Amino acid sequence: MILNLVTEIEVITVLSRGIPNEECIAIKANDWVNLGQYGVMLGVYYKLDSAIPYQDNLFWFGDGLVEKNDWIFIYTGDGRPTSSKTIDKHNNVYSLFWGKKNTIFANSNIVPILFRVDAVNVLRPQANLPQIGL
């Protein structure tokens, strides 16, 4: 399957591969973006800048606006989201946490896959059925 390239935000690198509480994905915003349309999956690098996704490994940013040249660091471990300014005080730095129990990227063939959601289809819940006590 061939998809368009996400260019408005981009994965720059994975920092501190395999080091607990330090391993993180460094992402830079190249434009104003609502992060609610984006997520990260894990995959095995394939070829020609493509990867095969793993099942059940999805990080959703949640709604939030970032500006051009802001940075987002997704730490693979636990923590509380924070925001700060870059050293020059011109841009924001957002630290988010995936909540994984182990590091992810010790094997350099495992890569983050940044994606944009362009359309969805959600099933409406059906009416609740009567519950019978036991």
C-alpha atoms as a PDB file:
ATOM      1  CA  MET A   1       0.000   0.000   0.000  1.00  0.00           C
ATOM      2  CA  ILE A   2       1.369   3.410  -0.936  1.00  0.00           C
ATOM      3  CA  LEU A   3       0.483   6.374   1.282  1.00  0.00           C
ATOM      4  CA  ASN A   4       1.337  10.046   1.214  1.00  0.00           C
ATOM      5  CA  LEU A   5       4.292  11.160   3.305  1.00  0.00           C
ATOM      6  CA  VAL A   6       3.526  13.009   6.553  1.00  0.00           C
ATOM      7  CA  THR A   7       5.564  16.218   6.345  1.00  0.00           C
ATOM      8  CA  GLU A   8       3.873  18.650   8.744  1.00  0.00           C
ATOM      9  CA  ILE A   9       5.456  16.782  11.664  1.00  0.00           C
ATOM     10  CA  GLU A  10       8.355  14.355  11.429  1.00  0.00           C
ATOM     11  CA  VAL A  11      10.222  11.814  13.491  1.00  0.00           C
ATOM     12  CA  ILE A  12      13.785  13.088  13.807  1.00  0.00           C
ATOM     13  CA  THR A  13      15.337  10.238  15.809  1.00  0.00           C
ATOM     14  CA  VAL A  14      14.981   7.819  18.700  1.00  0.00           C
ATOM     15  CA  LEU A  15      17.080   8.949  21.664  1.00  0.00           C
ATOM     16  CA  SER A  16      18.690   6.704  24.300  1.00  0.00           C
ATOM     17  CA  ARG A  17      17.648   3.433  22.671  1.00  0.00           C
ATOM     18  CA  GLY A  18      17.203   0.656  25.216  1.00  0.00           C
ATOM     19  CA  ILE A  19      17.810   2.867  28.280  1.00  0.00           C
ATOM     20  CA  PRO A  20      14.875   2.718  30.739  1.00  0.00           C
ATOM     21  CA  ASN A  21      13.251   6.084  31.574  1.00  0.00           C
ATOM     22  CA  GLU A  22      15.328   7.856  28.902  1.00  0.00           C
ATOM     23  CA  GLU A  23      14.357   6.165  25.626  1.00  0.00           C
ATOM     24  CA  CYS A  24      12.161   8.518  23.600  1.00  0.00           C
ATOM     25  CA  ILE A  25      10.995   9.406  20.107  1.00  0.00           C
ATOM     26  CA  ALA A  26      11.972  12.953  19.088  1.00  0.00           C
ATOM     27  CA  ILE A  27       9.404  14.610  16.800  1.00  0.00           C
ATOM     28  CA  LYS A  28       9.581  18.111  15.313  1.00  0.00           C
ATOM     29  CA  ALA A  29       6.625  20.158  14.071  1.00  0.00           C
ATOM     30  CA  ASN A  30       7.248  21.706  10.656  1.00  0.00           C
ATOM     31  CA  ASP A  31       3.932  23.583  10.680  1.00  0.00           C
ATOM     32  CA  TRP A  32       0.948  24.341  12.928  1.00  0.00           C
ATOM     33  CA  VAL A  33      -0.701  20.998  13.663  1.00  0.00           C
ATOM     34  CA  ASN A  34      -3.575  19.569  15.713  1.00  0.00           C
ATOM     35  CA  LEU A  35      -1.984  16.431  17.116  1.00  0.00           C
ATOM     36  CA  GLY A  36      -5.400  14.786  17.498  1.00  0.00           C
ATOM     37  CA  GLN A  37      -5.096  13.640  13.874  1.00  0.00           C
ATOM     38  CA  TYR A  38      -1.797  11.810  14.476  1.00  0.00           C
ATOM     39  CA  GLY A  39      -0.450   8.762  16.184  1.00  0.00           C
ATOM     40  CA  VAL A  40       2.592   6.531  16.354  1.00  0.00           C
ATOM     41  CA  MET A  41       2.749   2.791  15.739  1.00  0.00           C
ATOM     42  CA  LEU A  42       5.672   0.419  16.095  1.00  0.00           C
ATOM     43  CA  GLY A  43       6.976  -1.555  13.175  1.00  0.00           C
ATOM     44  CA  VAL A  44       9.874  -3.493  11.734  1.00  0.00           C
ATOM     45  CA  TYR A  45      11.832  -1.529   9.142  1.00  0.00           C
ATOM     46  CA  TYR A  46      11.293  -3.100   5.729  1.00  0.00           C
ATOM     47  CA  LYS A  47      12.908  -1.204   2.863  1.00  0.00           C
ATOM     48  CA  LEU A  48      12.729   2.093   1.020  1.00  0.00           C
ATOM     49  CA  ASP A  49      11.506   3.987   4.098  1.00  0.00           C
ATOM     50  CA  SER A  50       8.683   1.559   4.851  1.00  0.00           C
ATOM     51  CA  ALA A  51       7.870  -0.667   7.822  1.00  0.00           C
ATOM     52  CA  ILE A  52       5.564  -3.529   8.716  1.00  0.00           C
ATOM     53  CA  PRO A  53       3.455  -2.518  11.758  1.00  0.00           C
ATOM     54  CA  TYR A  54       3.207  -4.643  14.878  1.00  0.00           C
ATOM     55  CA  GLN A  55      -0.271  -5.389  16.171  1.00  0.00           C
ATOM     56  CA  ASP A  56      -1.503  -3.682  19.354  1.00  0.00           C
ATOM     57  CA  ASN A  57       1.171  -0.979  19.581  1.00  0.00           C
ATOM     58  CA  LEU A  58      -0.479   2.403  19.113  1.00  0.00           C
ATOM     59  CA  PHE A  59       0.165   5.771  20.740  1.00  0.00           C
ATOM     60  CA  TRP A  60      -2.384   8.551  20.140  1.00  0.00           C
ATOM     61  CA  PHE A  61      -1.292  12.093  20.973  1.00  0.00           C
ATOM     62  CA  GLY A  62      -4.726  13.376  21.916  1.00  0.00           C
ATOM     63  CA  ASP A  63      -5.998  16.791  20.877  1.00  0.00           C
ATOM     64  CA  GLY A  64      -3.512  19.634  21.186  1.00  0.00           C
ATOM     65  CA  LEU A  65      -2.064  22.315  18.956  1.00  0.00           C
ATOM     66  CA  VAL A  66       1.636  22.611  18.280  1.00  0.00           C
ATOM     67  CA  GLU A  67       3.391  25.397  16.419  1.00  0.00           C
ATOM     68  CA  LYS A  68       6.089  25.294  13.778  1.00  0.00           C
ATOM     69  CA  ASN A  69       9.462  24.296  15.315  1.00  0.00           C
ATOM     70  CA  ASP A  70       7.922  22.892  18.515  1.00  0.00           C
ATOM     71  CA  TRP A  71       9.330  19.569  19.749  1.00  0.00           C
ATOM     72  CA  ILE A  72       7.488  16.509  21.051  1.00  0.00           C
ATOM     73  CA  PHE A  73       9.316  13.803  22.974  1.00  0.00           C
ATOM     74  CA  ILE A  74       7.417  10.549  23.482  1.00  0.00           C
ATOM     75  CA  TYR A  75       9.113   8.663  26.296  1.00  0.00           C
ATOM     76  CA  THR A  76       8.417   4.947  26.101  1.00  0.00           C
ATOM     77  CA  GLY A  77       8.114   4.544  29.894  1.00  0.00           C
ATOM     78  CA  ASP A  78       5.782   6.039  32.514  1.00  0.00           C
ATOM     79  CA  GLY A  79       5.522   9.665  33.501  1.00  0.00           C
ATOM     80  CA  ARG A  80       3.349  12.756  33.559  1.00  0.00           C
ATOM     81  CA  PRO A  81       3.033  14.965  30.478  1.00  0.00           C
ATOM     82  CA  THR A  82       4.964  18.234  30.744  1.00  0.00           C
ATOM     83  CA  SER A  83       5.671  21.274  28.628  1.00  0.00           C
ATOM     84  CA  SER A  84       8.594  23.692  28.693  1.00  0.00           C
ATOM     85  CA  LYS A  85      10.412  26.118  26.412  1.00  0.00           C
ATOM     86  CA  THR A  86      13.480  25.549  24.260  1.00  0.00           C
ATOM     87  CA  ILE A  87      16.751  27.097  25.477  1.00  0.00           C
ATOM     88  CA  ASP A  88      16.201  30.151  23.252  1.00  0.00           C
ATOM     89  CA  LYS A  89      12.629  30.480  24.668  1.00  0.00           C
ATOM     90  CA  HIS A  90      11.119  30.654  21.148  1.00  0.00           C
ATOM     91  CA  ASN A  91       9.469  27.243  20.938  1.00  0.00           C
ATOM     92  CA  ASN A  92       7.718  24.683  23.097  1.00  0.00           C
ATOM     93  CA  VAL A  93       8.922  21.248  24.150  1.00  0.00           C
ATOM     94  CA  TYR A  94       6.253  18.689  25.025  1.00  0.00           C
ATOM     95  CA  SER A  95       7.126  15.487  26.875  1.00  0.00           C
ATOM     96  CA  LEU A  96       4.582  12.681  26.573  1.00  0.00           C
ATOM     97  CA  PHE A  97       4.706   9.147  27.970  1.00  0.00           C
ATOM     98  CA  TRP A  98       3.676   5.881  26.296  1.00  0.00           C
ATOM     99  CA  GLY A  99       3.565   3.860  29.526  1.00  0.00           C
ATOM    100  CA  LYS A 100       5.393   0.782  28.245  1.00  0.00           C
ATOM    101  CA  LYS A 101       6.804  -1.560  30.904  1.00  0.00           C
ATOM    102  CA  ASN A 102       9.982  -2.181  28.870  1.00  0.00           C
ATOM    103  CA  THR A 103      12.097  -0.258  26.416  1.00  0.00           C
ATOM    104  CA  ILE A 104      11.130  -0.687  22.776  1.00  0.00           C
ATOM    105  CA  PHE A 105      13.959   0.409  20.510  1.00  0.00           C
ATOM    106  CA  ALA A 106      17.044  -1.545  21.689  1.00  0.00           C
ATOM    107  CA  ASN A 107      16.784  -3.383  18.351  1.00  0.00           C
ATOM    108  CA  SER A 108      17.419  -0.667  15.730  1.00  0.00           C
ATOM    109  CA  ASN A 109      15.186  -2.503  13.206  1.00  0.00           C
ATOM    110  CA  ILE A 110      12.160  -1.582  15.345  1.00  0.00           C
ATOM    111  CA  VAL A 111      11.054   1.875  14.236  1.00  0.00           C
ATOM    112  CA  PRO A 112       8.323   4.382  15.057  1.00  0.00           C
ATOM    113  CA  ILE A 113       5.718   4.841  12.331  1.00  0.00           C
ATOM    114  CA  LEU A 114       4.152   8.306  12.457  1.00  0.00           C
ATOM    115  CA  PHE A 115       0.721   8.401  10.817  1.00  0.00           C
ATOM    116  CA  ARG A 116      -2.114  10.825  10.146  1.00  0.00           C
ATOM    117  CA  VAL A 117      -5.782   9.830  10.383  1.00  0.00           C
ATOM    118  CA  ASP A 118      -7.710  11.188   7.402  1.00  0.00           C
ATOM    119  CA  ALA A 119     -11.026   9.364   7.853  1.00  0.00           C
ATOM    120  CA  VAL A 120     -12.762   7.055  10.323  1.00  0.00           C
ATOM    121  CA  ASN A 121     -15.840   4.867  10.653  1.00  0.00           C
ATOM    122  CA  VAL A 122     -17.082   4.217  14.192  1.00  0.00           C
ATOM    123  CA  LEU A 123     -19.765   1.680  15.117  1.00  0.00           C
ATOM    124  CA  ARG A 124     -22.608   3.181  17.141  1.00  0.00           C
ATOM    125  CA  PRO A 125     -23.233   1.317  20.383  1.00  0.00           C
ATOM    126  CA  GLN A 126     -26.272  -0.934  20.427  1.00  0.00           C
ATOM    127  CA  ALA A 127     -28.894  -0.711  23.170  1.00  0.00           C
ATOM    128  CA  ASN A 128     -27.878  -2.389  26.416  1.00  0.00           C
ATOM    129  CA  LEU A 129     -29.416  -5.791  27.038  1.00  0.00           C
ATOM    130  CA  PRO A 130     -31.127  -6.521  30.357  1.00  0.00           C
ATOM    131  CA  GLN A 131     -28.685  -7.937  32.872  1.00  0.00           C
ATOM    132  CA  ILE A 132     -29.692 -11.081  34.744  1.00  0.00           C
ATOM    133  CA  GLY A 133     -28.340 -11.410  38.279  1.00  0.00           C
ATOM    134  CA  LEU A 134     -26.577 -14.631  39.245  1.00  0.00           C
END
